[in-house]
């Protein structure tokens, strides 16, 4: 029952691709991100003219490592690097929940995919930006309070 439509789609794809390319390679790909961190500031809800609204917030993740280990205690200096990620929530239900409940310093788990894009800054200079398009958010701390 499910197999026949899939084969029809693949057959159409192969037929279409065979006209343009001598060989066809079907391969799977994956664009999936999992982040666990703290929110840097309250989210904002933006809407460009003629486009759907989007909730945007920034998530900090930390990477820690030891360097210069001491033989006496098997300890060394702890170094830390913080990386900031721009999170965009597009899905209507998730977007509204994120805007309503995500707060600065909330601990959140985010799943989504990476989107590399370009935009024009205030000075009309073309810039590149990386955004995580969130598909799922899990609130892990009690810092999430409803906006009043």
N, C-alpha and C. Protein backbone atom coordinates (compact mmCIF):
# COMPACT_ATOMS: atom_id res chain seq x y z
N UNK A 1 0.83 -1.18 0.00
CA UNK A 1 0.00 0.00 0.00
C UNK A 1 0.88 1.25 0.00
N UNK A 2 1.84 1.32 0.90
CA UNK A 2 2.72 2.48 0.97
C UNK A 2 3.83 2.39 -0.08
N UNK A 3 4.17 1.18 -0.44
CA UNK A 3 5.32 0.96 -1.30
C UNK A 3 5.09 1.49 -2.72
N UNK A 4 3.91 1.32 -3.24
CA UNK A 4 3.65 1.71 -4.61
C UNK A 4 3.81 3.22 -4.85
N UNK A 5 3.23 4.11 -4.01
CA UNK A 5 3.44 5.55 -4.25
C UNK A 5 4.92 5.95 -4.16
N UNK A 6 5.65 5.33 -3.24
CA UNK A 6 7.07 5.64 -3.12
C UNK A 6 7.80 5.25 -4.39
N UNK A 7 7.50 4.08 -4.92
CA UNK A 7 8.14 3.65 -6.15
C UNK A 7 7.77 4.55 -7.32
N UNK A 8 6.53 5.04 -7.36
CA UNK A 8 6.12 5.95 -8.42
C UNK A 8 6.91 7.25 -8.35
N UNK A 9 7.06 7.77 -7.15
CA UNK A 9 7.83 9.01 -6.99
C UNK A 9 9.29 8.79 -7.40
N UNK A 10 9.88 7.70 -6.94
CA UNK A 10 11.26 7.40 -7.32
C UNK A 10 11.40 7.20 -8.82
N UNK A 11 10.45 6.54 -9.41
CA UNK A 11 10.49 6.30 -10.85
C UNK A 11 10.44 7.63 -11.61
N UNK A 12 9.56 8.55 -11.16
CA UNK A 12 9.47 9.85 -11.81
C UNK A 12 10.77 10.63 -11.61
N UNK A 13 11.34 10.54 -10.43
CA UNK A 13 12.58 11.24 -10.15
C UNK A 13 13.71 10.70 -11.03
N UNK A 14 13.80 9.39 -11.11
CA UNK A 14 14.85 8.77 -11.91
C UNK A 14 14.66 9.12 -13.38
N UNK A 15 13.42 9.10 -13.85
CA UNK A 15 13.16 9.44 -15.24
C UNK A 15 13.54 10.89 -15.51
N UNK A 16 13.18 11.79 -14.60
CA UNK A 16 13.51 13.21 -14.77
C UNK A 16 15.01 13.43 -14.70
N UNK A 17 15.66 12.80 -13.75
CA UNK A 17 17.09 13.00 -13.56
C UNK A 17 17.89 12.38 -14.69
N UNK A 18 17.39 11.30 -15.27
CA UNK A 18 18.15 10.63 -16.32
C UNK A 18 18.23 11.49 -17.57
N UNK A 19 17.32 12.44 -17.74
CA UNK A 19 17.38 13.33 -18.89
C UNK A 19 18.51 14.34 -18.75
N UNK A 20 18.81 14.72 -17.50
CA UNK A 20 19.79 15.77 -17.28
C UNK A 20 21.17 15.25 -16.89
N UNK A 21 21.26 14.06 -16.34
CA UNK A 21 22.55 13.55 -15.89
C UNK A 21 22.76 12.14 -16.41
N UNK A 22 24.01 11.82 -16.68
CA UNK A 22 24.33 10.49 -17.18
C UNK A 22 24.18 9.44 -16.09
N UNK A 23 24.52 9.80 -14.86
CA UNK A 23 24.38 8.87 -13.75
C UNK A 23 23.57 9.52 -12.65
N UNK A 24 22.86 8.70 -11.92
CA UNK A 24 22.04 9.19 -10.82
C UNK A 24 22.48 8.52 -9.54
N UNK A 25 22.77 9.31 -8.55
CA UNK A 25 23.14 8.78 -7.25
C UNK A 25 22.12 9.26 -6.24
N UNK A 26 21.37 8.32 -5.68
CA UNK A 26 20.42 8.65 -4.63
C UNK A 26 21.13 8.46 -3.31
N UNK A 27 21.16 9.51 -2.52
CA UNK A 27 21.82 9.41 -1.23
C UNK A 27 21.01 10.16 -0.19
N UNK A 28 21.09 9.69 1.01
CA UNK A 28 20.42 10.35 2.11
C UNK A 28 21.34 11.42 2.68
N UNK A 29 20.76 12.43 3.23
CA UNK A 29 21.55 13.44 3.91
C UNK A 29 20.85 13.81 5.20
N UNK A 30 21.57 14.48 6.07
CA UNK A 30 21.04 14.80 7.38
C UNK A 30 21.52 16.19 7.79
N UNK A 31 20.59 17.01 8.22
CA UNK A 31 20.90 18.33 8.77
C UNK A 31 20.14 18.40 10.08
N UNK A 32 20.77 18.01 11.17
CA UNK A 32 20.10 17.94 12.46
C UNK A 32 21.04 18.46 13.54
N UNK A 33 20.50 19.33 14.40
CA UNK A 33 21.28 19.94 15.46
C UNK A 33 20.57 19.69 16.78
N UNK A 34 21.35 19.38 17.81
CA UNK A 34 20.83 19.27 19.17
C UNK A 34 21.67 20.18 20.05
N UNK A 35 21.01 21.10 20.73
CA UNK A 35 21.71 22.05 21.59
C UNK A 35 21.09 22.04 22.97
N UNK A 36 21.92 22.18 23.98
CA UNK A 36 21.48 22.29 25.36
C UNK A 36 22.23 23.47 25.96
N UNK A 37 21.49 24.48 26.39
CA UNK A 37 22.17 25.65 26.92
C UNK A 37 21.21 26.59 27.62
N UNK A 38 21.68 27.82 27.81
CA UNK A 38 20.88 28.85 28.49
C UNK A 38 20.58 30.00 27.54
N UNK A 39 19.38 30.55 27.70
CA UNK A 39 18.92 31.65 26.87
C UNK A 39 19.59 32.94 27.34
N UNK A 40 20.07 33.75 26.40
CA UNK A 40 20.79 34.98 26.72
C UNK A 40 19.90 36.17 27.01
N UNK A 41 18.74 36.24 26.37
CA UNK A 41 17.80 37.34 26.61
C UNK A 41 16.40 36.87 26.23
N UNK A 42 15.39 37.60 26.69
CA UNK A 42 14.02 37.23 26.37
C UNK A 42 13.83 37.20 24.85
N UNK A 43 12.99 36.29 24.35
CA UNK A 43 12.79 36.19 22.91
C UNK A 43 12.03 37.39 22.36
N UNK A 44 12.19 37.60 21.07
CA UNK A 44 11.44 38.64 20.37
C UNK A 44 10.61 37.98 19.27
N UNK A 45 9.47 38.57 18.99
CA UNK A 45 8.59 38.09 17.92
C UNK A 45 8.69 39.09 16.79
N UNK A 46 9.16 38.65 15.63
CA UNK A 46 9.34 39.54 14.47
C UNK A 46 8.47 39.05 13.32
N UNK A 47 8.03 40.03 12.55
CA UNK A 47 7.25 39.70 11.36
C UNK A 47 7.58 40.69 10.26
N UNK A 48 8.15 40.17 9.19
CA UNK A 48 8.43 41.01 8.04
C UNK A 48 7.15 41.13 7.22
N UNK A 49 7.04 42.21 6.48
CA UNK A 49 5.83 42.44 5.70
C UNK A 49 5.60 41.31 4.70
N UNK A 50 4.42 40.73 4.78
CA UNK A 50 4.05 39.65 3.87
C UNK A 50 4.62 38.29 4.24
N UNK A 51 5.25 38.17 5.40
CA UNK A 51 5.83 36.89 5.82
C UNK A 51 5.24 36.47 7.15
N UNK A 52 5.40 35.21 7.48
CA UNK A 52 4.91 34.69 8.75
C UNK A 52 5.79 35.18 9.90
N UNK A 53 5.21 35.34 11.10
CA UNK A 53 6.03 35.77 12.24
C UNK A 53 7.02 34.68 12.65
N UNK A 54 8.05 35.11 13.35
CA UNK A 54 9.08 34.19 13.84
C UNK A 54 9.52 34.64 15.23
N UNK A 55 9.70 33.68 16.13
CA UNK A 55 10.23 33.97 17.45
C UNK A 55 11.73 33.71 17.41
N UNK A 56 12.50 34.68 17.89
CA UNK A 56 13.96 34.59 17.84
C UNK A 56 14.52 34.77 19.25
N UNK A 57 15.46 33.88 19.61
CA UNK A 57 16.21 34.05 20.84
C UNK A 57 17.61 33.49 20.64
N UNK A 58 18.50 33.81 21.57
CA UNK A 58 19.88 33.37 21.47
C UNK A 58 20.19 32.40 22.60
N UNK A 59 20.86 31.31 22.26
CA UNK A 59 21.17 30.25 23.20
C UNK A 59 22.69 30.13 23.33
N UNK A 60 23.17 30.09 24.57
CA UNK A 60 24.60 29.94 24.83
C UNK A 60 24.90 28.49 25.18
N UNK A 61 25.90 27.93 24.52
CA UNK A 61 26.40 26.60 24.89
C UNK A 61 27.85 26.76 25.32
N UNK A 62 28.28 25.95 26.27
CA UNK A 62 29.63 26.04 26.81
C UNK A 62 30.40 24.76 26.53
N UNK A 63 31.65 24.94 26.18
CA UNK A 63 32.57 23.82 26.01
C UNK A 63 33.66 23.99 27.06
N UNK A 64 33.89 22.95 27.84
CA UNK A 64 34.89 23.04 28.91
C UNK A 64 35.93 21.95 28.71
N UNK A 65 37.19 22.26 29.07
CA UNK A 65 38.26 21.28 29.00
C UNK A 65 39.33 21.64 30.03
N UNK A 66 40.12 20.64 30.37
CA UNK A 66 41.22 20.83 31.32
C UNK A 66 42.52 20.90 30.55
N UNK A 67 43.40 21.75 31.04
CA UNK A 67 44.73 21.85 30.43
C UNK A 67 45.77 21.94 31.54
N UNK A 68 46.99 21.53 31.25
CA UNK A 68 48.07 21.60 32.23
C UNK A 68 47.80 20.75 33.45
N UNK A 69 47.47 19.48 33.24
CA UNK A 69 47.09 18.61 34.37
C UNK A 69 48.20 18.48 35.39
N UNK A 70 47.80 18.54 36.64
CA UNK A 70 48.72 18.36 37.76
C UNK A 70 48.75 16.87 38.12
N UNK A 71 49.93 16.32 38.42
CA UNK A 71 50.03 14.90 38.75
C UNK A 71 49.43 14.59 40.11
N UNK A 72 49.47 15.53 41.04
CA UNK A 72 49.01 15.27 42.40
C UNK A 72 47.51 14.98 42.46
N UNK A 73 46.70 15.78 41.82
CA UNK A 73 45.24 15.61 41.94
C UNK A 73 44.56 15.26 40.62
N UNK A 74 45.34 15.02 39.58
CA UNK A 74 44.78 14.75 38.26
C UNK A 74 43.83 15.87 37.83
N UNK A 75 44.18 17.07 38.24
CA UNK A 75 43.36 18.22 37.89
C UNK A 75 44.25 19.25 37.21
N UNK A 76 43.66 20.10 36.45
CA UNK A 76 44.40 21.17 35.80
C UNK A 76 43.53 22.40 35.71
N UNK A 77 44.00 23.36 34.98
CA UNK A 77 43.21 24.57 34.77
C UNK A 77 42.02 24.24 33.88
N UNK A 78 40.87 24.74 34.26
CA UNK A 78 39.67 24.52 33.46
C UNK A 78 39.48 25.71 32.54
N UNK A 79 39.38 25.43 31.26
CA UNK A 79 39.12 26.48 30.27
C UNK A 79 37.71 26.31 29.75
N UNK A 80 37.13 27.41 29.33
CA UNK A 80 35.74 27.36 28.87
C UNK A 80 35.58 28.26 27.66
N UNK A 81 34.78 27.81 26.70
CA UNK A 81 34.45 28.60 25.52
C UNK A 81 32.94 28.63 25.39
N UNK A 82 32.36 29.82 25.25
CA UNK A 82 30.93 29.97 25.08
C UNK A 82 30.63 30.28 23.63
N UNK A 83 29.68 29.57 23.05
CA UNK A 83 29.23 29.80 21.68
C UNK A 83 27.77 30.23 21.71
N UNK A 84 27.45 31.28 20.97
CA UNK A 84 26.08 31.78 20.91
C UNK A 84 25.43 31.32 19.61
N UNK A 85 24.20 30.84 19.73
CA UNK A 85 23.43 30.33 18.59
C UNK A 85 22.15 31.13 18.46
N UNK A 86 21.86 31.58 17.25
CA UNK A 86 20.60 32.27 16.97
C UNK A 86 19.55 31.21 16.67
N UNK A 87 18.49 31.19 17.47
CA UNK A 87 17.42 30.20 17.32
C UNK A 87 16.19 30.90 16.75
N UNK A 88 15.67 30.38 15.65
CA UNK A 88 14.44 30.88 15.05
C UNK A 88 13.39 29.79 15.13
N UNK A 89 12.21 30.16 15.64
CA UNK A 89 11.11 29.21 15.76
C UNK A 89 10.01 29.67 14.80
N UNK A 90 9.76 28.86 13.77
CA UNK A 90 8.82 29.22 12.72
C UNK A 90 7.46 28.55 12.86
N UNK A 91 7.45 27.31 13.37
CA UNK A 91 6.19 26.57 13.48
C UNK A 91 5.21 27.31 14.37
N UNK A 92 3.97 27.53 13.92
CA UNK A 92 3.02 28.39 14.65
C UNK A 92 2.82 28.02 16.13
N UNK A 93 2.53 26.79 16.47
CA UNK A 93 2.30 26.44 17.88
C UNK A 93 3.56 26.58 18.71
N UNK A 94 4.65 26.07 18.21
CA UNK A 94 5.93 26.13 18.92
C UNK A 94 6.43 27.56 19.04
N UNK A 95 6.22 28.33 17.99
CA UNK A 95 6.63 29.74 17.97
C UNK A 95 5.95 30.52 19.10
N UNK A 96 4.65 30.33 19.25
CA UNK A 96 3.89 31.05 20.28
C UNK A 96 4.27 30.62 21.68
N UNK A 97 4.48 29.31 21.88
CA UNK A 97 4.89 28.80 23.19
C UNK A 97 6.28 29.33 23.55
N UNK A 98 7.18 29.32 22.59
CA UNK A 98 8.53 29.82 22.85
C UNK A 98 8.50 31.30 23.22
N UNK A 99 7.71 32.08 22.50
CA UNK A 99 7.63 33.51 22.80
C UNK A 99 7.02 33.76 24.18
N UNK A 100 6.05 32.95 24.53
CA UNK A 100 5.33 33.16 25.78
C UNK A 100 6.10 32.69 27.01
N UNK A 101 6.85 31.58 26.90
CA UNK A 101 7.43 30.97 28.08
C UNK A 101 8.96 31.03 28.19
N UNK A 102 9.67 31.22 27.11
CA UNK A 102 11.13 31.27 27.18
C UNK A 102 11.55 32.59 27.81
N UNK A 103 12.46 32.53 28.74
CA UNK A 103 12.97 33.71 29.43
C UNK A 103 14.49 33.69 29.49
N UNK A 104 15.05 34.84 29.72
CA UNK A 104 16.50 34.96 29.90
C UNK A 104 16.92 34.02 31.02
N UNK A 105 18.04 33.32 30.80
CA UNK A 105 18.65 32.36 31.72
C UNK A 105 17.90 31.04 31.82
N UNK A 106 16.84 30.84 31.03
CA UNK A 106 16.18 29.54 31.00
C UNK A 106 17.12 28.51 30.41
N UNK A 107 17.07 27.32 30.95
CA UNK A 107 17.85 26.20 30.42
C UNK A 107 16.94 25.46 29.45
N UNK A 108 17.38 25.32 28.20
CA UNK A 108 16.52 24.78 27.15
C UNK A 108 17.30 23.80 26.28
N UNK A 109 16.60 22.76 25.86
CA UNK A 109 17.11 21.81 24.87
C UNK A 109 16.40 22.13 23.56
N UNK A 110 17.16 22.32 22.49
CA UNK A 110 16.61 22.68 21.18
C UNK A 110 17.05 21.65 20.15
N UNK A 111 16.10 21.20 19.35
CA UNK A 111 16.40 20.37 18.19
C UNK A 111 15.98 21.13 16.95
N UNK A 112 16.75 20.99 15.91
CA UNK A 112 16.40 21.67 14.66
C UNK A 112 17.43 21.41 13.60
N UNK A 113 17.50 22.32 12.63
CA UNK A 113 18.50 22.19 11.58
C UNK A 113 19.19 23.53 11.36
N UNK A 114 20.35 23.46 10.73
CA UNK A 114 21.17 24.65 10.48
C UNK A 114 20.74 25.28 9.17
N UNK A 115 20.62 26.60 9.19
CA UNK A 115 20.31 27.34 7.97
C UNK A 115 21.35 28.44 7.81
N UNK A 116 22.04 28.41 6.68
CA UNK A 116 23.02 29.45 6.36
C UNK A 116 22.36 30.41 5.40
N UNK A 117 22.37 31.68 5.74
CA UNK A 117 21.70 32.64 4.88
C UNK A 117 22.45 33.95 4.81
N UNK A 118 21.95 34.83 3.96
CA UNK A 118 22.53 36.16 3.81
C UNK A 118 21.46 37.19 4.13
N UNK A 119 21.92 38.34 4.61
CA UNK A 119 21.02 39.44 4.90
C UNK A 119 21.76 40.75 4.69
N UNK A 120 21.01 41.82 4.62
CA UNK A 120 21.59 43.16 4.48
C UNK A 120 21.55 43.82 5.85
N UNK A 121 22.70 44.34 6.31
CA UNK A 121 22.73 45.02 7.60
C UNK A 121 22.24 46.46 7.46
N UNK A 122 22.33 47.21 8.54
CA UNK A 122 21.84 48.60 8.55
C UNK A 122 22.55 49.49 7.54
N UNK A 123 23.80 49.15 7.23
CA UNK A 123 24.59 49.95 6.30
C UNK A 123 24.54 49.42 4.87
N UNK A 124 23.56 48.57 4.57
CA UNK A 124 23.40 47.94 3.26
C UNK A 124 24.61 47.12 2.84
N UNK A 125 25.23 46.47 3.81
CA UNK A 125 26.34 45.56 3.54
C UNK A 125 25.82 44.14 3.65
N UNK A 126 26.11 43.33 2.66
CA UNK A 126 25.65 41.94 2.66
C UNK A 126 26.45 41.14 3.69
N UNK A 127 25.75 40.48 4.59
CA UNK A 127 26.35 39.67 5.65
C UNK A 127 25.84 38.25 5.56
N UNK A 128 26.63 37.33 6.11
CA UNK A 128 26.19 35.94 6.19
C UNK A 128 25.86 35.63 7.64
N UNK A 129 24.83 34.83 7.84
CA UNK A 129 24.43 34.47 9.18
C UNK A 129 24.04 33.00 9.25
N UNK A 130 24.23 32.43 10.42
CA UNK A 130 23.85 31.05 10.67
C UNK A 130 22.74 31.05 11.69
N UNK A 131 21.67 30.34 11.38
CA UNK A 131 20.50 30.27 12.25
C UNK A 131 20.14 28.82 12.47
N UNK A 132 19.69 28.50 13.67
CA UNK A 132 19.14 27.18 13.95
C UNK A 132 17.62 27.31 13.85
N UNK A 133 17.03 26.56 12.93
CA UNK A 133 15.58 26.54 12.78
C UNK A 133 15.06 25.44 13.71
N UNK A 134 14.40 25.85 14.79
CA UNK A 134 13.98 24.92 15.84
C UNK A 134 12.75 24.13 15.41
N UNK A 135 12.80 22.81 15.62
CA UNK A 135 11.67 21.92 15.41
C UNK A 135 11.07 21.47 16.73
N UNK A 136 11.88 21.56 17.79
CA UNK A 136 11.44 21.08 19.10
C UNK A 136 12.20 21.84 20.18
N UNK A 137 11.50 22.25 21.21
CA UNK A 137 12.11 22.89 22.38
C UNK A 137 11.64 22.14 23.61
N UNK A 138 12.56 21.86 24.53
CA UNK A 138 12.19 21.26 25.80
C UNK A 138 12.70 22.18 26.90
N UNK A 139 11.80 22.66 27.75
CA UNK A 139 12.16 23.56 28.83
C UNK A 139 12.66 22.74 30.00
N UNK A 140 13.87 23.04 30.49
CA UNK A 140 14.50 22.24 31.52
C UNK A 140 14.64 22.95 32.85
N UNK A 141 14.25 24.20 32.95
CA UNK A 141 14.38 24.92 34.21
C UNK A 141 13.09 25.64 34.55
N UNK A 142 12.99 26.05 35.79
CA UNK A 142 11.80 26.76 36.21
C UNK A 142 11.89 28.26 35.94
N UNK A 143 12.89 28.67 35.16
CA UNK A 143 13.03 30.07 34.82
C UNK A 143 11.99 30.53 33.79
N UNK A 144 11.26 29.57 33.21
CA UNK A 144 10.28 29.92 32.18
C UNK A 144 9.02 30.44 32.86
N UNK A 145 8.76 31.71 32.70
CA UNK A 145 7.58 32.35 33.28
C UNK A 145 6.77 32.96 32.15
N UNK A 146 5.46 32.91 32.30
CA UNK A 146 4.59 33.47 31.28
C UNK A 146 4.68 34.99 31.31
N UNK A 147 4.69 35.59 30.10
CA UNK A 147 4.68 37.05 30.02
C UNK A 147 3.37 37.58 30.53
N UNK A 148 3.43 38.68 31.26
CA UNK A 148 2.20 39.27 31.80
C UNK A 148 1.74 40.40 30.93
